[in-house]
Amino acid sequence: MQLFQLGTCLRSRKELYKCARSEVDRLSSSTGLNAGLVVEEHGLGYCLYSRAGKDLDSVVIEEGEEIPLHATAVGKAMLAEIPRKETEQILDQHGTDLFTEKTITNREELIDTLETIKNHRVAFEENEFHDNVRAIGIAITGKNDRLIGGLFVAGDSESLTGKQLHQNNPGLLISAKNRLGNPAQPPTKE
């Protein structure tokens, strides 16, 4: 049975990858920023696909890279979409390590931030995972609002500011998510 569940999970991730890849490319091309697709697995984020933008010389998160959820925009967006009990379990298991002086390490502050993100459906990262990098993340949900992944754009702190940070690029992420619709559903965890 576990082999079947693994196969189902891999198939749904492949479908998500196929559907989201063109959206990541579109986001990177239209914004000039790094863009990527991340999934949550065992309380960590894993980048399935990323594309460098013209704003930075290389991608911020490499394909296959494991990322902390609490310190990244896309990770916080995904944490905000899962039930509070699961969030607490993830934080118990992985902690809230410090990556930069701006990383939110206080659990209550992080929970408050996640509530705000849940209400606004968009997460921001202000130099929390990498110095001099800002990012915007959004969760991708499917049937019954189940988390299936997340999209992000990231750029240099000096150029990703004002309207680009708080209006234009969040709008582009929301549009990309809406175009994806319901690309894949993860298997039910038992």
Protein backbone atom coordinates (compact mmCIF):
# COMPACT_ATOMS: atom_id res chain seq x y z
CA MET A 1 0.00 0.00 0.00
CA GLN A 2 2.85 2.44 0.77
CA LEU A 3 4.32 1.86 -2.70
CA PHE A 4 0.93 2.69 -4.24
CA GLN A 5 0.68 5.90 -2.19
CA LEU A 6 4.21 6.87 -3.22
CA GLY A 7 3.33 6.28 -6.87
CA THR A 8 0.15 8.34 -6.56
CA CYS A 9 2.06 11.14 -4.86
CA LEU A 10 4.76 11.15 -7.54
CA ARG A 11 2.13 11.21 -10.29
CA SER A 12 0.29 14.15 -8.73
CA ARG A 13 3.58 16.03 -8.24
CA LYS A 14 4.46 15.35 -11.89
CA GLU A 15 1.11 16.80 -12.98
CA LEU A 16 1.65 19.85 -10.76
CA TYR A 17 5.13 20.26 -12.24
CA LYS A 18 3.83 20.01 -15.82
CA CYS A 19 1.04 22.52 -15.18
CA ALA A 20 3.06 25.00 -13.14
CA ARG A 21 6.28 25.04 -15.15
CA SER A 22 4.89 27.38 -17.82
CA GLU A 23 3.48 29.66 -15.10
CA VAL A 24 6.90 29.85 -13.40
CA ASP A 25 8.50 30.68 -16.75
CA ARG A 26 5.84 33.34 -17.39
CA LEU A 27 6.34 34.85 -13.91
CA SER A 28 10.11 35.04 -14.35
CA SER A 29 9.83 36.50 -17.83
CA SER A 30 7.18 39.10 -17.01
CA THR A 31 8.69 40.25 -13.70
CA GLY A 32 12.40 39.85 -14.37
CA LEU A 33 12.57 38.09 -11.01
CA ASN A 34 13.50 34.60 -9.92
CA ALA A 35 10.42 32.40 -9.84
CA GLY A 36 9.76 28.88 -8.64
CA LEU A 37 7.48 26.05 -7.63
CA VAL A 38 7.81 24.46 -4.19
CA VAL A 39 6.07 21.53 -2.49
CA GLU A 40 5.93 20.62 1.20
CA GLU A 41 7.11 17.20 2.27
CA HIS A 42 7.66 16.13 5.89
CA GLY A 43 7.61 19.73 7.10
CA LEU A 44 10.18 21.10 4.65
CA GLY A 45 9.89 22.78 1.29
CA TYR A 46 11.40 21.26 -1.85
CA CYS A 47 11.85 23.25 -5.02
CA LEU A 48 10.49 21.32 -8.00
CA TYR A 49 11.27 24.00 -10.57
CA SER A 50 12.96 27.40 -10.60
CA ARG A 51 13.95 29.95 -13.15
CA ALA A 52 16.41 32.83 -12.81
CA GLY A 53 15.25 36.31 -13.66
CA LYS A 54 17.32 39.20 -14.91
CA ASP A 55 17.24 40.85 -11.46
CA LEU A 56 19.68 38.34 -9.90
CA ASP A 57 22.57 36.49 -11.52
CA SER A 58 21.39 33.08 -10.30
CA VAL A 59 18.31 31.46 -8.84
CA VAL A 60 17.62 32.06 -5.16
CA ILE A 61 16.33 28.54 -4.61
CA GLU A 62 17.78 25.75 -6.75
CA GLU A 63 15.70 22.91 -8.15
CA GLY A 64 15.80 20.06 -5.65
CA GLU A 65 16.87 22.36 -2.82
CA GLU A 66 15.39 21.80 0.61
CA ILE A 67 14.15 25.01 2.23
CA PRO A 68 12.80 25.92 5.66
CA LEU A 69 9.14 26.85 5.63
CA HIS A 70 9.29 29.47 8.39
CA ALA A 71 11.97 31.61 6.71
CA THR A 72 10.70 31.82 3.13
CA ALA A 73 7.72 33.59 1.59
CA VAL A 74 6.49 30.48 -0.19
CA GLY A 75 7.04 28.38 2.93
CA LYS A 76 5.07 30.77 5.11
CA ALA A 77 2.28 30.87 2.50
CA MET A 78 2.11 27.06 2.63
CA LEU A 79 2.27 26.94 6.44
CA ALA A 80 -0.64 29.39 6.57
CA GLU A 81 -2.79 27.00 4.51
CA ILE A 82 -2.36 23.87 6.60
CA PRO A 83 -4.24 23.20 9.85
CA ARG A 84 -2.74 24.86 12.94
CA LYS A 85 -2.05 21.47 14.56
CA GLU A 86 0.09 20.40 11.59
CA THR A 87 1.88 23.76 11.65
CA GLU A 88 2.67 23.25 15.33
CA GLN A 89 4.01 19.74 14.59
CA ILE A 90 6.23 21.08 11.81
CA LEU A 91 7.59 23.80 14.09
CA ASP A 92 8.17 21.23 16.85
CA GLN A 93 10.06 18.97 14.46
CA HIS A 94 12.08 21.55 12.51
CA GLY A 95 12.22 24.56 14.79
CA THR A 96 12.62 28.15 13.68
CA ASP A 97 16.32 28.42 12.96
CA LEU A 98 17.94 31.79 12.36
CA PHE A 99 19.20 32.31 8.77
CA THR A 100 19.62 36.10 8.83
CA GLU A 101 19.05 38.75 11.47
CA LYS A 102 15.54 39.22 10.00
CA THR A 103 14.38 35.58 10.28
CA ILE A 104 11.30 35.23 12.48
CA THR A 105 12.37 32.82 15.20
CA ASN A 106 9.76 33.68 17.85
CA ARG A 107 7.00 31.08 17.54
CA GLU A 108 4.13 33.36 18.60
CA GLU A 109 5.25 36.09 16.21
CA LEU A 110 5.43 33.51 13.42
CA ILE A 111 1.92 32.17 14.22
CA ASP A 112 0.57 35.76 14.15
CA THR A 113 2.31 36.31 10.81
CA LEU A 114 0.77 33.11 9.43
CA GLU A 115 -2.71 34.30 10.46
CA THR A 116 -2.17 37.54 8.55
CA ILE A 117 -0.94 35.58 5.53
CA LYS A 118 -3.97 33.28 5.69
CA ASN A 119 -6.26 36.32 5.60
CA HIS A 120 -4.41 38.01 2.71
CA ARG A 121 -3.42 34.82 0.81
CA VAL A 122 0.03 36.29 0.04
CA ALA A 123 3.27 36.05 2.01
CA PHE A 124 6.27 38.35 1.98
CA GLU A 125 9.88 37.66 2.87
CA GLU A 126 12.10 40.57 3.83
CA ASN A 127 15.70 39.28 3.87
CA GLU A 128 14.71 36.37 6.13
CA PHE A 129 16.32 33.45 4.29
CA HIS A 130 19.03 35.25 2.30
CA ASP A 131 20.42 38.71 2.96
CA ASN A 132 19.48 41.29 0.34
CA VAL A 133 16.66 39.15 -1.11
CA ARG A 134 12.94 39.87 -0.92
CA ALA A 135 10.33 37.38 -2.02
CA ILE A 136 6.60 36.98 -2.43
CA GLY A 137 4.91 33.60 -2.07
CA ILE A 138 1.47 32.12 -2.56
CA ALA A 139 0.10 28.67 -1.74
CA ILE A 140 -1.56 26.47 -4.35
CA THR A 141 -4.54 24.61 -2.97
CA GLY A 142 -6.85 22.06 -4.51
CA LYS A 143 -10.11 20.42 -3.58
CA ASN A 144 -11.26 21.17 -0.05
CA ASP A 145 -8.47 23.78 0.17
CA ARG A 146 -5.80 21.07 0.55
CA LEU A 147 -2.27 22.36 0.11
CA ILE A 148 -0.54 21.02 -3.00
CA GLY A 149 2.35 23.47 -3.40
CA GLY A 150 3.38 27.08 -3.72
CA LEU A 151 4.73 29.64 -6.16
CA PHE A 152 7.23 32.40 -5.46
CA VAL A 153 9.05 35.29 -7.06
CA ALA A 154 12.23 36.72 -5.53
CA GLY A 155 14.57 39.57 -6.26
CA ASP A 156 17.15 41.98 -4.94
CA SER A 157 15.95 43.95 -1.90
CA GLU A 158 16.86 47.27 -3.49
CA SER A 159 14.83 46.71 -6.67
CA LEU A 160 11.85 44.75 -5.32
CA THR A 161 10.15 47.56 -3.42
CA GLY A 162 6.97 49.63 -3.25
CA LYS A 163 4.27 48.90 -5.80
CA GLN A 164 6.29 46.04 -7.36
CA LEU A 165 6.55 44.32 -3.97
CA HIS A 166 3.06 44.93 -2.61
CA GLN A 167 0.76 45.18 -5.65
CA ASN A 168 2.01 44.21 -9.10
CA ASN A 169 3.90 41.02 -8.34
CA PRO A 170 1.40 39.64 -5.79
CA GLY A 171 -1.27 40.19 -8.45
CA LEU A 172 0.78 38.26 -11.00
CA LEU A 173 1.22 35.38 -8.54
CA ILE A 174 -2.52 35.27 -7.83
CA SER A 175 -3.24 35.26 -11.58
CA ALA A 176 -0.76 32.41 -12.11
CA LYS A 177 -2.40 30.43 -9.31
CA ASN A 178 -5.84 31.04 -10.80
CA ARG A 179 -4.69 29.89 -14.25
CA LEU A 180 -3.43 26.66 -12.67
CA GLY A 181 -6.88 25.87 -11.31
CA ASN A 182 -6.65 22.41 -9.77
CA PRO A 183 -3.57 20.81 -11.38
CA ALA A 184 -3.23 17.81 -9.08
CA GLN A 185 -4.38 16.46 -5.79
CA PRO A 186 -2.07 14.82 -3.28
CA PRO A 187 -3.15 11.48 -1.90
CA THR A 188 -5.01 11.61 1.38
CA LYS A 189 -2.66 11.08 4.33
CA GLU A 190 -3.74 8.25 6.59
